[in-house]
Amino acid sequence: MQTKLLHFHRKNILTFVMLMVFIGSLFFVDWGKNLFHSGGLSTLAQMIQGLFQPDLSPEILQLALVSTWRTLAYAVAGMTLALILGVVLGVLSSGILMSDKGIGRFLSKSIFRGLLGFMRAIHELVWAWLFVAASGLTPFAAIFAIAIPYGGILGRIFADMLNEVSSQPLNALRSSGATRMQQLIYGYIPFAAPDLMSYVFYRFECAIRSSAIMSFVGLGGLGFQIQLSLQDLKYDEVWTFLFFLIGIVVIVDVWSQMVRKRLVA
């Protein structure tokens, strides 16, 4: 009872502190005339008008379809490599293939978790700039820029999910003489598969958005077309490309729900 009261008290204190920080931050905002520039309201009106009147001309729609395909291709290729890296490094960093005794398990988890931390510490846009500087404006720059940080994120999540699998089915496999690899294939993966697939699809949605951001570097795709339309102040074209981007994310979300239901069933 005392522990619950203490937890409730700490929660109230944290809520009060966060509320005070929010209220205090409002006093540091310049609410004067410089909050919006002189043409801000007219630009906002043009953007709203473009939202309800997107450019649906055949040329723009064809360009949007080609750019969408390129954006999706970057995301699929990058996510495929990220999934391979995440599965391999996630299993190795989880330590489930190592012996429980000795320092091998500890060293394995430390080394591979450190590698995963390095991979995901650098944002995909920074990786894109590095690969563009090394290899030029090629599709490989966008693919590897997505694969490396996403591989680090997937590997970390995979390792945590594998370590959280219930020990009861694993004990049954161990008592039957199953090897560690067999425990991984028939024990860890089947029980963690629904959550793993759910997170993979979520990351795939993020990869699509990241792929669009890669386009701002000059690699082509929806982001590149959005950038060009913004520079020309053609907000009706901007919303056309944004609608295509939103459509991809919605389709992937529906697809992920269908796959998860099948896995759970």
Protein backbone atom coordinates (compact mmCIF):
# COMPACT_ATOMS: atom_id res chain seq x y z
CA MET A 1 0.00 0.00 0.00
CA GLN A 2 2.79 2.40 0.91
CA THR A 3 4.61 1.56 -2.31
CA LYS A 4 1.51 2.45 -4.37
CA LEU A 5 1.07 5.72 -2.48
CA LEU A 6 4.73 6.58 -3.01
CA HIS A 7 4.45 5.81 -6.75
CA PHE A 8 1.28 7.93 -6.98
CA HIS A 9 2.97 10.78 -5.12
CA ARG A 10 6.01 10.72 -7.42
CA LYS A 11 3.75 10.64 -10.46
CA ASN A 12 1.90 13.73 -9.25
CA ILE A 13 5.17 15.54 -8.62
CA LEU A 14 6.43 14.71 -12.12
CA THR A 15 3.13 15.87 -13.66
CA PHE A 16 3.31 19.13 -11.73
CA VAL A 17 6.92 19.75 -12.78
CA MET A 18 6.14 19.08 -16.46
CA LEU A 19 3.13 21.41 -16.26
CA MET A 20 5.26 24.18 -14.76
CA VAL A 21 7.91 23.71 -17.45
CA PHE A 22 5.23 23.99 -20.14
CA ILE A 23 3.72 27.14 -18.60
CA GLY A 24 7.17 28.67 -18.11
CA SER A 25 8.13 27.98 -21.71
CA LEU A 26 5.18 30.06 -22.90
CA PHE A 27 6.77 33.18 -21.40
CA PHE A 28 9.95 32.70 -23.45
CA VAL A 29 8.08 32.76 -26.78
CA ASP A 30 8.06 36.06 -28.63
CA TRP A 31 4.34 36.59 -29.21
CA GLY A 32 4.91 39.88 -31.00
CA LYS A 33 4.55 40.83 -34.63
CA ASN A 34 7.61 38.81 -35.59
CA LEU A 35 5.85 35.54 -34.82
CA PHE A 36 4.61 35.43 -38.44
CA HIS A 37 6.36 37.08 -41.36
CA SER A 38 4.50 39.59 -43.49
CA GLY A 39 3.39 37.08 -46.13
CA GLY A 40 2.71 34.23 -43.74
CA LEU A 41 -1.06 34.45 -43.68
CA SER A 42 -1.36 34.70 -47.45
CA THR A 43 0.98 31.69 -47.83
CA LEU A 44 -1.12 29.75 -45.34
CA ALA A 45 -4.24 30.61 -47.34
CA GLN A 46 -2.58 29.34 -50.53
CA MET A 47 -1.60 26.10 -48.81
CA ILE A 48 -5.17 25.55 -47.57
CA GLN A 49 -6.48 26.28 -51.05
CA GLY A 50 -4.05 23.74 -52.50
CA LEU A 51 -5.30 21.16 -50.00
CA PHE A 52 -8.84 21.37 -51.39
CA GLN A 53 -7.77 21.95 -54.99
CA PRO A 54 -4.81 19.63 -55.68
CA ASP A 55 -3.32 19.48 -59.15
CA LEU A 56 -4.80 16.39 -60.80
CA SER A 57 -3.49 17.02 -64.30
CA PRO A 58 -2.27 13.93 -66.21
CA GLU A 59 1.33 15.17 -66.20
CA ILE A 60 1.42 15.65 -62.43
CA LEU A 61 -0.35 12.33 -61.75
CA GLN A 62 2.11 10.48 -63.98
CA LEU A 63 5.03 12.21 -62.27
CA ALA A 64 3.53 11.34 -58.87
CA LEU A 65 3.17 7.67 -59.83
CA VAL A 66 6.77 7.43 -61.02
CA SER A 67 8.04 9.25 -57.91
CA THR A 68 5.91 7.05 -55.65
CA TRP A 69 7.33 3.92 -57.25
CA ARG A 70 10.88 5.20 -56.75
CA THR A 71 10.18 6.14 -53.13
CA LEU A 72 8.63 2.75 -52.46
CA ALA A 73 11.54 0.96 -54.16
CA TYR A 74 14.04 2.75 -51.91
CA ALA A 75 12.00 1.85 -48.82
CA VAL A 76 11.57 -1.82 -49.77
CA ALA A 77 15.23 -2.32 -50.67
CA GLY A 78 16.49 -0.47 -47.60
CA MET A 79 14.06 -2.24 -45.28
CA THR A 80 15.01 -5.66 -46.70
CA LEU A 81 18.67 -5.07 -45.91
CA ALA A 82 17.71 -3.62 -42.52
CA LEU A 83 15.64 -6.71 -41.73
CA ILE A 84 18.55 -9.01 -42.56
CA LEU A 85 20.92 -6.95 -40.40
CA GLY A 86 18.36 -6.68 -37.61
CA VAL A 87 17.64 -10.42 -37.44
CA VAL A 88 21.30 -11.47 -37.50
CA LEU A 89 22.57 -8.83 -35.09
CA GLY A 90 19.46 -9.07 -32.92
CA VAL A 91 19.92 -12.80 -32.38
CA LEU A 92 23.62 -12.35 -31.70
CA SER A 93 23.12 -9.45 -29.30
CA SER A 94 20.36 -11.30 -27.42
CA GLY A 95 22.89 -13.94 -26.33
CA ILE A 96 20.40 -16.81 -26.64
CA LEU A 97 22.80 -18.82 -28.79
CA MET A 98 25.61 -18.50 -26.27
CA SER A 99 26.29 -20.59 -23.21
CA ASP A 100 24.87 -19.33 -19.94
CA LYS A 101 28.22 -19.83 -18.27
CA GLY A 102 31.42 -17.94 -18.94
CA ILE A 103 32.04 -14.48 -20.35
CA GLY A 104 31.22 -15.42 -23.96
CA ARG A 105 27.56 -14.47 -23.55
CA PHE A 106 28.43 -11.18 -21.87
CA LEU A 107 31.06 -10.23 -24.46
CA SER A 108 28.78 -11.19 -27.33
CA LYS A 109 25.92 -9.10 -26.03
CA SER A 110 28.19 -6.15 -25.27
CA ILE A 111 29.95 -6.15 -28.64
CA PHE A 112 26.89 -6.57 -30.82
CA ARG A 113 24.75 -4.22 -28.75
CA GLY A 114 27.48 -1.63 -29.08
CA LEU A 115 27.47 -2.12 -32.85
CA LEU A 116 23.69 -1.74 -32.95
CA GLY A 117 23.98 1.42 -30.89
CA PHE A 118 26.49 2.88 -33.34
CA MET A 119 24.28 2.03 -36.32
CA ARG A 120 21.15 3.69 -34.96
CA ALA A 121 22.88 6.65 -33.31
CA ILE A 122 23.37 8.41 -36.66
CA HIS A 123 20.23 9.65 -38.39
CA GLU A 124 19.39 8.27 -41.82
CA LEU A 125 19.66 11.74 -43.37
CA VAL A 126 23.25 12.03 -42.14
CA TRP A 127 24.00 8.56 -43.54
CA ALA A 128 22.50 9.75 -46.84
CA TRP A 129 24.82 12.75 -46.97
CA LEU A 130 27.81 10.52 -46.21
CA PHE A 131 26.93 7.99 -48.92
CA VAL A 132 26.14 10.73 -51.44
CA ALA A 133 29.57 12.23 -50.76
CA ALA A 134 31.18 8.81 -51.23
CA SER A 135 29.20 7.34 -54.13
CA GLY A 136 27.28 10.23 -55.67
CA LEU A 137 23.56 10.54 -56.34
CA THR A 138 22.92 6.83 -56.80
CA PRO A 139 20.10 4.63 -55.45
CA PHE A 140 22.65 2.83 -53.27
CA ALA A 141 23.07 5.98 -51.18
CA ALA A 142 19.37 6.03 -50.26
CA ILE A 143 19.16 2.27 -49.74
CA PHE A 144 22.16 2.03 -47.40
CA ALA A 145 21.14 5.23 -45.61
CA ILE A 146 17.89 3.51 -44.64
CA ALA A 147 19.33 0.04 -44.08
CA ILE A 148 22.04 0.91 -41.54
CA PRO A 149 20.09 2.91 -38.91
CA TYR A 150 16.95 0.84 -39.33
CA GLY A 151 18.99 -2.34 -39.02
CA GLY A 152 20.32 -1.04 -35.72
CA ILE A 153 16.84 -0.21 -34.47
CA LEU A 154 15.36 -3.55 -35.54
CA GLY A 155 18.28 -5.46 -34.04
CA ARG A 156 17.83 -3.79 -30.66
CA ILE A 157 14.07 -4.43 -30.61
CA PHE A 158 14.48 -8.02 -31.83
CA ALA A 159 16.98 -8.76 -29.08
CA ASP A 160 14.68 -7.37 -26.39
CA MET A 161 11.65 -9.27 -27.72
CA LEU A 162 13.55 -12.55 -27.89
CA ASN A 163 14.78 -12.13 -24.33
CA GLU A 164 11.20 -11.53 -23.15
CA VAL A 165 9.83 -14.83 -24.52
CA SER A 166 8.23 -16.97 -21.81
CA SER A 167 10.53 -19.64 -20.41
CA GLN A 168 7.88 -22.38 -20.16
CA PRO A 169 7.89 -23.49 -23.82
CA LEU A 170 11.66 -23.11 -23.90
CA ASN A 171 12.05 -25.39 -20.89
CA ALA A 172 10.00 -28.02 -22.69
CA LEU A 173 12.33 -27.81 -25.68
CA ARG A 174 15.42 -27.99 -23.47
CA SER A 175 14.09 -31.04 -21.62
CA SER A 176 13.57 -32.78 -24.97
CA GLY A 177 17.23 -32.22 -25.87
CA ALA A 178 16.78 -29.41 -28.40
CA THR A 179 19.87 -27.45 -29.36
CA ARG A 180 20.04 -23.70 -28.97
CA MET A 181 19.44 -23.22 -32.69
CA GLN A 182 16.36 -25.46 -32.49
CA GLN A 183 15.15 -23.50 -29.48
CA LEU A 184 15.53 -20.33 -31.53
CA ILE A 185 13.65 -21.70 -34.55
CA TYR A 186 10.87 -23.59 -32.73
CA GLY A 187 10.64 -21.63 -29.49
CA TYR A 188 11.79 -18.02 -29.57
CA ILE A 189 10.78 -17.01 -33.10
CA PRO A 190 7.22 -18.48 -33.18
CA PHE A 191 6.23 -16.86 -29.88
CA ALA A 192 7.80 -13.49 -30.77
CA ALA A 193 6.69 -13.51 -34.42
CA PRO A 194 3.44 -11.46 -34.07
CA ASP A 195 5.13 -8.63 -32.19
CA LEU A 196 8.18 -8.81 -34.45
CA MET A 197 6.10 -8.56 -37.62
CA SER A 198 4.00 -5.76 -36.17
CA TYR A 199 7.12 -3.74 -35.41
CA VAL A 200 8.65 -4.54 -38.82
CA PHE A 201 5.59 -3.16 -40.59
CA TYR A 202 5.65 -0.08 -38.38
CA ARG A 203 9.27 0.47 -39.30
CA PHE A 204 8.39 -0.08 -42.94
CA GLU A 205 5.97 2.84 -42.69
CA CYS A 206 8.79 4.90 -41.18
CA ALA A 207 11.10 3.75 -43.99
CA ILE A 208 8.65 5.09 -46.57
CA ARG A 209 8.71 8.49 -44.89
CA SER A 210 12.49 8.32 -44.59
CA SER A 211 12.70 7.40 -48.27
CA ALA A 212 10.75 10.54 -49.10
CA ILE A 213 13.14 12.56 -46.94
CA MET A 214 16.08 10.97 -48.78
CA SER A 215 14.69 12.58 -51.91
CA PHE A 216 15.45 16.04 -50.53
CA VAL A 217 19.13 15.16 -50.82
CA GLY A 218 18.58 14.92 -54.58
CA LEU A 219 18.00 11.18 -54.95
CA GLY A 220 14.62 11.54 -56.66
CA GLY A 221 11.22 10.42 -55.44
CA LEU A 222 8.26 12.13 -53.80
CA GLY A 223 10.37 14.28 -51.52
CA PHE A 224 12.32 15.68 -54.45
CA GLN A 225 9.10 16.59 -56.27
CA ILE A 226 7.68 18.17 -53.11
CA GLN A 227 10.83 20.24 -52.75
CA LEU A 228 10.65 21.46 -56.35
CA SER A 229 6.96 22.35 -56.01
CA LEU A 230 7.61 24.23 -52.77
CA GLN A 231 10.37 26.23 -54.41
CA ASP A 232 7.97 27.17 -57.22
CA LEU A 233 5.20 27.96 -54.67
CA LYS A 234 2.90 25.45 -56.36
CA TYR A 235 1.09 24.19 -53.29
CA ASP A 236 -1.56 22.37 -55.33
CA GLU A 237 1.21 20.11 -56.66
CA VAL A 238 2.66 19.71 -53.17
CA TRP A 239 -0.62 18.32 -51.86
CA THR A 240 -0.91 15.94 -54.80
CA PHE A 241 2.45 14.39 -53.95
CA LEU A 242 1.58 14.38 -50.23
CA PHE A 243 -1.66 12.52 -50.92
CA PHE A 244 0.29 9.82 -52.75
CA LEU A 245 2.68 9.55 -49.79
CA ILE A 246 -0.22 9.29 -47.33
CA GLY A 247 -1.83 6.64 -49.53
CA ILE A 248 1.24 4.41 -49.38
CA VAL A 249 1.42 4.64 -45.59
CA VAL A 250 -2.29 3.83 -45.22
CA ILE A 251 -1.99 0.79 -47.52
CA VAL A 252 1.00 -0.52 -45.56
CA ASP A 253 -0.87 -0.02 -42.28
CA VAL A 254 -3.88 -2.02 -43.51
CA TRP A 255 -1.56 -4.70 -44.86
CA SER A 256 0.26 -4.97 -41.52
CA GLN A 257 -3.02 -5.41 -39.63
CA MET A 258 -4.05 -8.26 -41.94
CA VAL A 259 -0.70 -10.04 -41.54
CA ARG A 260 -0.74 -9.62 -37.76
CA LYS A 261 -4.25 -11.07 -37.50
CA ARG A 262 -3.16 -14.13 -39.46
CA LEU A 263 -0.10 -14.62 -37.28
CA VAL A 264 -2.11 -14.31 -34.08
CA ALA A 265 -4.75 -16.70 -35.41
